Amino acid sequence: MQHDEPSTPLLPPDVIHKSPDISCDGTARSTRYKDVLKARAEYNKLRLAKASVRRHRKFVFGAIYESMFSGYHEIDPVVSDYDLNVTLSSEIVSVVRIRLVRPDDGVGKTNLLSSVVAMCRSLNGPGNARGNRVGDVGAMQAIGLKSASSKAIFKTEESSIPKVAVASAIMREWLEDNLRDDLSEIVQTDASLNVKYPTSMSNGPGARLMVSENLGNSPHYDIGDTSRSVAIWVEEKPGQAENWFFVLPNVSLAGSQGVVIKLAHGVVISWDGTSIDRNYEGIHIYI
């Protein structure tokens, strides 16, 4: 689907969170839409508003999903693995791969899911990436290289570094066995850009980790990405999180108004963030 058509997003967000562009005097405020046509019209109007345009990422400041309008198709990764072949407006097919980590997956006695949870627990503070500055809810921590063109490293607490090393190394092992082609694309792209991995992630699948906690954000394109993204969702207490979804608002399956992927402990999703418009809401580690 074309992002700039009036009919998009097929599944619009129902809440605008703390946006200055829905205020008569620029004071940040929130509102909720109960009518899908109203929500879509306001979303498209706000795409051209100041707080959204200045971010250059094709998204609306503070647009999030607290509830979802009817008509979407839901995918449950617990049932099966999935490969979604998404035909873009360019006629190029972009694949979204959905997998589920087995509870006992890991290396030796080190469990992948528990190592990711341990890493997340070691991170402190409100987050050093995204967050309220762009209307998100929740927090995001960046670890590793700041960009492919920079040698600067995000500051990470010394106590977290050993846990980062373990979790990233085991994640790479899992990708070798389950999403090898996707891992190969990431590794080859990094090599072509002469990216040097930080010491704490020398055996990891990439040069940067984004760790999010209870994150809700606007549908957007990651226009600065150089390769695929891979995300794994974890819960501190598996089975207790409810109504968390990875939303593909402009994807239609059998005539649906959007596609949503139900999130749970151990769900892994791989996608091309430069071409697939998506929103993610949940606790995850984003590689």
Protein backbone atom coordinates (compact mmCIF):
# COMPACT_ATOMS: atom_id res chain seq x y z
CA MET A 1 0.00 0.00 0.00
CA GLN A 2 1.13 3.54 -0.72
CA HIS A 3 1.73 5.43 2.53
CA ASP A 4 0.44 8.71 1.07
CA GLU A 5 -2.97 7.51 -0.17
CA PRO A 6 -6.12 8.71 1.65
CA SER A 7 -7.15 5.08 2.30
CA THR A 8 -4.09 4.43 4.44
CA PRO A 9 -3.45 3.33 7.03
CA LEU A 10 -5.92 0.49 6.56
CA LEU A 11 -5.83 0.07 10.33
CA PRO A 12 -5.40 3.56 11.86
CA PRO A 13 -4.31 4.18 15.47
CA ASP A 14 -7.15 5.08 17.83
CA VAL A 15 -5.15 7.41 20.14
CA ILE A 16 -3.03 10.51 19.63
CA HIS A 17 -0.80 10.72 22.71
CA LYS A 18 0.50 14.04 24.07
CA SER A 19 0.71 15.77 20.70
CA PRO A 20 1.13 19.56 20.39
CA ASP A 21 -0.45 19.47 16.94
CA ILE A 22 -3.99 18.72 18.20
CA SER A 23 -3.97 21.76 20.46
CA CYS A 24 -5.12 25.29 19.64
CA ASP A 25 -2.08 26.79 21.36
CA GLY A 26 0.58 24.10 20.96
CA THR A 27 0.10 22.60 24.40
CA ALA A 28 0.56 18.82 24.33
CA ARG A 29 -2.72 16.96 24.76
CA SER A 30 -4.21 13.52 24.02
CA THR A 31 -7.39 12.35 22.34
CA ARG A 32 -9.09 9.07 21.39
CA TYR A 33 -11.08 8.22 18.25
CA LYS A 34 -14.02 5.81 18.23
CA ASP A 35 -14.82 6.13 14.52
CA VAL A 36 -12.38 4.52 12.06
CA LEU A 37 -13.00 7.09 9.29
CA LYS A 38 -12.39 9.96 11.70
CA ALA A 39 -9.23 8.29 13.01
CA ARG A 40 -7.87 7.75 9.49
CA ALA A 41 -8.68 11.30 8.38
CA GLU A 42 -7.05 12.84 11.45
CA TYR A 43 -4.00 10.59 11.11
CA ASN A 44 -3.46 11.68 7.50
CA LYS A 45 -3.90 15.34 8.44
CA LEU A 46 -1.43 15.03 11.31
CA ARG A 47 1.19 13.40 9.06
CA LEU A 48 1.73 16.90 7.65
CA ALA A 49 1.79 18.63 11.03
CA LYS A 50 4.94 20.11 12.55
CA ALA A 51 5.75 17.53 15.25
CA SER A 52 5.52 14.69 12.70
CA VAL A 53 7.19 16.27 9.66
CA ARG A 54 10.28 17.39 11.57
CA ARG A 55 11.08 13.75 12.45
CA HIS A 56 11.51 12.63 8.81
CA ARG A 57 10.36 9.06 9.49
CA LYS A 58 6.84 9.04 7.96
CA PHE A 59 4.93 8.80 11.21
CA VAL A 60 2.48 10.78 13.31
CA PHE A 61 3.74 12.10 16.64
CA GLY A 62 2.07 10.17 19.46
CA ALA A 63 -0.22 7.97 17.31
CA ILE A 64 -0.59 4.67 19.17
CA TYR A 65 -2.96 1.69 19.39
CA GLU A 66 -4.73 1.33 22.73
CA SER A 67 -7.52 -0.60 21.01
CA MET A 68 -7.92 -1.70 17.40
CA PHE A 69 -10.72 -1.12 14.95
CA SER A 70 -12.39 -4.24 13.53
CA GLY A 71 -11.51 -5.90 10.25
CA TYR A 72 -7.86 -6.83 10.85
CA HIS A 73 -6.35 -10.31 10.43
CA GLU A 74 -4.64 -11.73 13.51
CA ILE A 75 -1.67 -14.12 13.37
CA ASP A 76 -0.81 -16.27 16.37
CA PRO A 77 2.85 -17.45 16.24
CA VAL A 78 2.15 -20.08 18.91
CA VAL A 79 0.15 -22.01 16.32
CA SER A 80 2.78 -22.11 13.57
CA ASP A 81 5.76 -20.42 11.94
CA TYR A 82 4.82 -17.94 9.24
CA ASP A 83 6.43 -16.24 6.24
CA LEU A 84 4.35 -13.26 5.07
CA ASN A 85 5.13 -12.29 1.47
CA VAL A 86 4.20 -8.60 1.36
CA THR A 87 3.88 -7.11 -2.13
CA LEU A 88 4.98 -3.46 -1.99
CA SER A 89 3.69 -0.68 -4.24
CA SER A 90 6.90 -1.14 -6.28
CA GLU A 91 5.80 -4.78 -6.93
CA ILE A 92 8.83 -5.96 -4.97
CA VAL A 93 8.01 -8.70 -2.45
CA SER A 94 9.29 -8.16 1.10
CA VAL A 95 9.14 -11.10 3.49
CA VAL A 96 8.14 -10.85 7.16
CA ARG A 97 9.23 -14.01 9.00
CA ILE A 98 7.60 -15.05 12.26
CA ARG A 99 9.03 -17.72 14.54
CA LEU A 100 8.72 -18.94 18.13
CA VAL A 101 11.69 -19.76 20.38
CA ARG A 102 11.35 -23.06 22.23
CA PRO A 103 11.57 -22.67 26.03
CA ASP A 104 14.74 -24.79 26.19
CA ASP A 105 16.60 -23.14 23.28
CA GLY A 106 20.09 -21.97 24.17
CA VAL A 107 23.72 -23.00 24.28
CA GLY A 108 24.66 -25.61 26.86
CA LYS A 109 22.87 -24.74 30.07
CA THR A 110 22.35 -21.08 29.10
CA ASN A 111 18.78 -20.43 28.00
CA LEU A 112 18.15 -17.83 25.29
CA LEU A 113 14.94 -16.38 26.73
CA SER A 114 16.19 -16.20 30.32
CA SER A 115 19.46 -14.58 29.17
CA VAL A 116 17.51 -11.89 27.32
CA VAL A 117 15.32 -11.24 30.37
CA ALA A 118 18.44 -11.01 32.56
CA MET A 119 19.98 -8.47 30.20
CA CYS A 120 16.82 -6.37 30.15
CA ARG A 121 16.60 -6.38 33.95
CA SER A 122 20.18 -5.09 34.20
CA LEU A 123 19.37 -1.90 32.28
CA ASN A 124 18.46 1.13 34.36
CA GLY A 125 17.04 4.58 33.76
CA PRO A 126 14.30 6.02 31.55
CA GLY A 127 15.94 5.00 28.27
CA ASN A 128 18.28 6.80 25.89
CA ALA A 129 16.38 6.41 22.62
CA ARG A 130 12.96 7.55 21.32
CA GLY A 131 10.43 7.71 24.19
CA ASN A 132 8.33 10.76 25.00
CA ARG A 133 10.39 12.96 22.70
CA VAL A 134 8.47 11.44 19.78
CA GLY A 135 5.19 10.72 21.55
CA ASP A 136 5.91 7.08 22.44
CA VAL A 137 4.85 5.36 25.62
CA GLY A 138 7.29 3.09 27.46
CA ALA A 139 11.08 3.25 27.17
CA MET A 140 13.86 2.22 24.80
CA GLN A 141 17.54 1.60 25.57
CA ALA A 142 20.17 1.66 22.81
CA ILE A 143 23.27 -0.53 23.20
CA GLY A 144 26.29 -0.73 20.93
CA LEU A 145 27.25 1.29 17.84
CA LYS A 146 25.33 4.53 17.29
CA SER A 147 25.39 4.28 13.48
CA ALA A 148 27.12 2.49 10.63
CA SER A 149 29.08 5.66 9.82
CA SER A 150 30.12 6.35 13.42
CA LYS A 151 32.54 4.66 15.79
CA ALA A 152 30.73 6.16 18.79
CA ILE A 153 29.22 3.69 21.25
CA PHE A 154 26.11 4.15 23.37
CA LYS A 155 27.06 4.31 27.05
CA THR A 156 26.12 1.12 28.91
CA GLU A 157 26.49 0.39 32.61
CA GLU A 158 29.48 -1.88 33.34
CA SER A 159 27.24 -4.31 35.22
CA SER A 160 25.11 -4.83 32.08
CA ILE A 161 27.96 -5.57 29.65
CA PRO A 162 28.46 -9.28 30.59
CA LYS A 163 24.73 -9.90 30.22
CA VAL A 164 24.69 -8.12 26.85
CA ALA A 165 27.56 -10.35 25.68
CA VAL A 166 25.77 -13.56 26.70
CA ALA A 167 22.33 -12.66 25.31
CA SER A 168 23.65 -11.36 21.96
CA ALA A 169 25.92 -14.38 21.45
CA ILE A 170 23.13 -16.88 22.13
CA MET A 171 20.77 -14.92 19.87
CA ARG A 172 23.28 -15.25 17.04
CA GLU A 173 23.44 -19.02 17.59
CA TRP A 174 19.66 -19.20 17.44
CA LEU A 175 19.57 -17.18 14.21
CA GLU A 176 22.20 -19.47 12.67
CA ASP A 177 19.81 -22.38 13.17
CA ASN A 178 16.47 -20.69 12.45
CA LEU A 179 16.90 -17.52 10.32
CA ARG A 180 20.29 -18.05 8.71
CA ASP A 181 19.59 -16.06 5.53
CA ASP A 182 18.40 -13.06 7.54
CA LEU A 183 21.48 -13.21 9.76
CA SER A 184 23.68 -13.49 6.68
CA GLU A 185 22.16 -10.32 5.25
CA ILE A 186 22.87 -8.41 8.47
CA VAL A 187 26.45 -9.69 8.75
CA GLN A 188 27.27 -9.09 5.06
CA THR A 189 25.81 -5.56 5.15
CA ASP A 190 27.89 -4.74 8.24
CA ALA A 191 31.00 -6.09 6.51
CA SER A 192 30.35 -3.98 3.40
CA LEU A 193 30.06 -0.88 5.62
CA ASN A 194 33.22 -1.79 7.57
CA VAL A 195 31.23 -1.89 10.79
CA LYS A 196 33.27 -2.94 13.82
CA TYR A 197 31.25 -4.69 16.52
CA PRO A 198 31.59 -3.42 20.10
CA THR A 199 33.55 -5.70 22.44
CA SER A 200 30.42 -6.62 24.41
CA MET A 201 28.74 -7.78 21.18
CA SER A 202 31.70 -9.22 19.31
CA ASN A 203 29.89 -12.56 19.00
CA GLY A 204 26.47 -11.04 18.40
CA PRO A 205 24.27 -10.87 15.31
CA GLY A 206 24.73 -7.13 14.85
CA ALA A 207 26.46 -3.99 16.08
CA ARG A 208 23.49 -2.50 17.92
CA LEU A 209 20.69 -3.67 20.21
CA MET A 210 17.54 -1.71 20.96
CA VAL A 211 15.88 -2.89 24.17
CA SER A 212 12.33 -1.68 24.74
CA GLU A 213 10.14 -1.96 27.81
CA ASN A 214 6.33 -1.75 27.50
CA LEU A 215 6.83 0.24 24.29
CA GLY A 216 3.97 1.63 22.25
CA ASN A 217 4.79 3.79 19.24
CA SER A 218 3.41 5.15 16.00
CA PRO A 219 3.45 3.17 12.73
CA HIS A 220 6.63 4.23 10.95
CA TYR A 221 9.37 3.36 8.47
CA ASP A 222 12.96 2.96 9.68
CA ILE A 223 14.40 4.86 6.73
CA GLY A 224 17.92 4.84 8.20
CA ASP A 225 18.18 1.05 8.51
CA THR A 226 20.88 -0.62 6.42
CA SER A 227 19.59 -4.22 6.68
CA ARG A 228 16.81 -6.31 8.15
CA SER A 229 15.64 -6.00 11.72
CA VAL A 230 15.09 -8.95 14.02
CA ALA A 231 13.10 -8.66 17.26
CA ILE A 232 12.48 -11.10 20.09
CA TRP A 233 9.77 -10.46 22.67
CA VAL A 234 10.16 -11.63 26.25
CA GLU A 235 8.09 -11.38 29.41
CA GLU A 236 9.46 -11.22 32.96
CA LYS A 237 6.57 -13.50 33.98
CA PRO A 238 5.70 -15.55 30.88
CA GLY A 239 2.02 -15.82 30.11
CA GLN A 240 0.85 -12.73 31.99
CA ALA A 241 1.07 -10.13 29.21
CA GLU A 242 -2.21 -9.61 27.36
CA ASN A 243 -3.25 -7.72 24.23
CA TRP A 244 0.22 -6.89 22.90
CA PHE A 245 0.61 -6.87 19.11
CA PHE A 246 3.05 -6.11 16.32
CA VAL A 247 0.86 -4.10 13.96
CA LEU A 248 1.27 -4.02 10.17
CA PRO A 249 -1.28 -1.25 9.48
CA ASN A 250 -0.96 -1.16 5.68
CA VAL A 251 -0.83 -4.90 4.99
CA SER A 252 -3.99 -6.63 3.78
CA LEU A 253 -4.50 -10.40 3.86
CA ALA A 254 -7.64 -11.71 2.12
CA GLY A 255 -9.14 -8.23 2.17
CA SER A 256 -8.36 -7.47 5.82
CA GLN A 257 -7.89 -3.98 7.22
CA GLY A 258 -4.34 -4.50 8.44
CA VAL A 259 -2.52 -7.51 9.90
CA VAL A 260 -1.54 -7.90 13.56
CA ILE A 261 0.85 -10.44 15.08
CA LYS A 262 0.05 -11.54 18.61
CA LEU A 263 3.06 -11.13 20.88
CA ALA A 264 4.10 -13.52 23.62
CA HIS A 265 7.23 -14.79 25.36
CA GLY A 266 9.65 -16.03 22.70
CA VAL A 267 8.07 -14.60 19.54
CA VAL A 268 10.67 -13.58 16.94
CA ILE A 269 9.90 -11.37 13.94
CA SER A 270 12.23 -10.46 11.07
CA TRP A 271 11.33 -7.66 8.64
CA ASP A 272 12.72 -4.91 6.42
CA GLY A 273 12.00 -1.71 8.34
CA THR A 274 12.76 0.53 5.35
CA SER A 275 9.83 -0.85 3.34
CA ILE A 276 7.35 -2.26 5.87
CA ASP A 277 5.30 0.28 7.83
CA ARG A 278 4.72 -1.10 11.30
CA ASN A 279 4.05 -0.37 14.93
CA TYR A 280 5.27 -2.55 17.77
CA GLU A 281 3.87 -2.68 21.21
CA GLY A 282 5.45 -4.94 23.81
CA ILE A 283 8.57 -5.82 25.75
CA HIS A 284 11.28 -6.90 23.37
CA ILE A 285 14.89 -6.84 22.37
CA TYR A 286 15.31 -5.39 18.91
CA ILE A 287 18.50 -6.33 17.01
